[in-house]
Amino acid sequence: MAVFTEVGLEEAGALLQRLGLGELRALRGIEGGIENTNYFATTDQGEFVLTVFERLGFEQLPYYLCLMQHLAERGIPVPAPAPDPSIALPSSGHVLERIAANAPCELLHAVQGKPAAVVQRLSGRSVLAPTAAHCAELGGFLARMHLAARDFPRIQPNLRGLPWWNDTAPVVLPHLDAPQAALLRSELAYQNHVAESSAWAALPRGPIHADLFRDNAMFATDEGAPRLTGVFDFYFAGTDTWLFDLAVCLNDWAIDLATGQAAPARAAALLDAYGAVRPLIAAERALLPAMLRAAALRFWISRLWDFHLPREASMLKPHDPTHFERVLRERVRQLAPAPDAIPLPQLQAA
């Protein structure tokens, strides 16, 4: 992802050796995202990813790292964070026991005074033009991940959920033209209305990935068929509705990138595979159109924020916010007409 913190070979090598991961042979900054500093690190023992967190603090990160460890221990293909062997653990070392004992997070490290983590580099490659078969693999994974995380004891809200949308919308409004501002205001009002409904309150909840885009999953090919080898980048995870997680995936994996229109065959493959593992309840089926709009709104707002209010970094390429504007307009037009009866709040630009 973007490089905000320049990490030298000596510093990175010392950390990797302390974690028992071998002697550093190569270190390369990863370009492509906008949240954290990421490096590929090659040692004589394998391939790893070093992440230096630029926005998340030491107090927030145990949620993400322990969640990844929790999932890995249950056979879900996610990169397991490397622990610091110098930190003593409870007798079993199991993630649930560590949390219950309020033990120090041996998965969280420090680089230049900032929180950092080292995880295994997954095998395979990202597929940026997925087929229905890729979407089916992803749908089955997502359902298994949701079920595997049901007994994860930590609770942390989705930090990019509805309260964040309400706080951030006034900040990005000055950068929008009149039609864009009208769309943002009306959709935000609609989503606040949905969140007050009894159907929304009935939605199943638990830890979600919340950012499972095409470039956050890896695939291999077995006898001509795709096989998902792992999913990474859990640093937007939080406790939220499983349906929102599903909608985030549908809005990327089952969308035509050029137009923002839905790709029905890919959407059906993803939904069928998810439902074969965890069938949707009635409230989820009823609110899926609204949640697809919510997921589009979330990423439109965040991309507007990153694009118009960027941070300095040596490698930084903000995503184009107009893509999720197109997705949102398509979701409003095709899946759920705007509710004219909902009064619009007076949302002022900051």
Foldseek 3Di string as FASTA:
>chain_A
DFFADDDDQVQVQVVCVQLVNAGWDDWAWDFDDAFWTWIWTQHPRAIKIKTFGDPDAPVPPVVLLLLQCLCVVVVQQEWHWRFRVVFDAPDVNRSVRRVVVVGPGRQWDDDPNTIMIMTHDFDAAFDQQDDLLVLLQVLLSLLVSQVSQPPVPDADAQPLALVVLLVLLLALLVVDDDVVNVVSQLLNLVVVVVCPDPLQVPADKGKAQLAFARRQWGWDADPNGIHTNHGYDSVSIGIHGSLLNLLLHQQHQQADQVQLAGNVSSNVSSQVSNCVSPNGDPSSVVCNLSSNLRSLSSQLSVLSCCVVPNDDGPHDDRDDSVSSVSNNVNSCVPPNPRDPPRDGDPRHHD
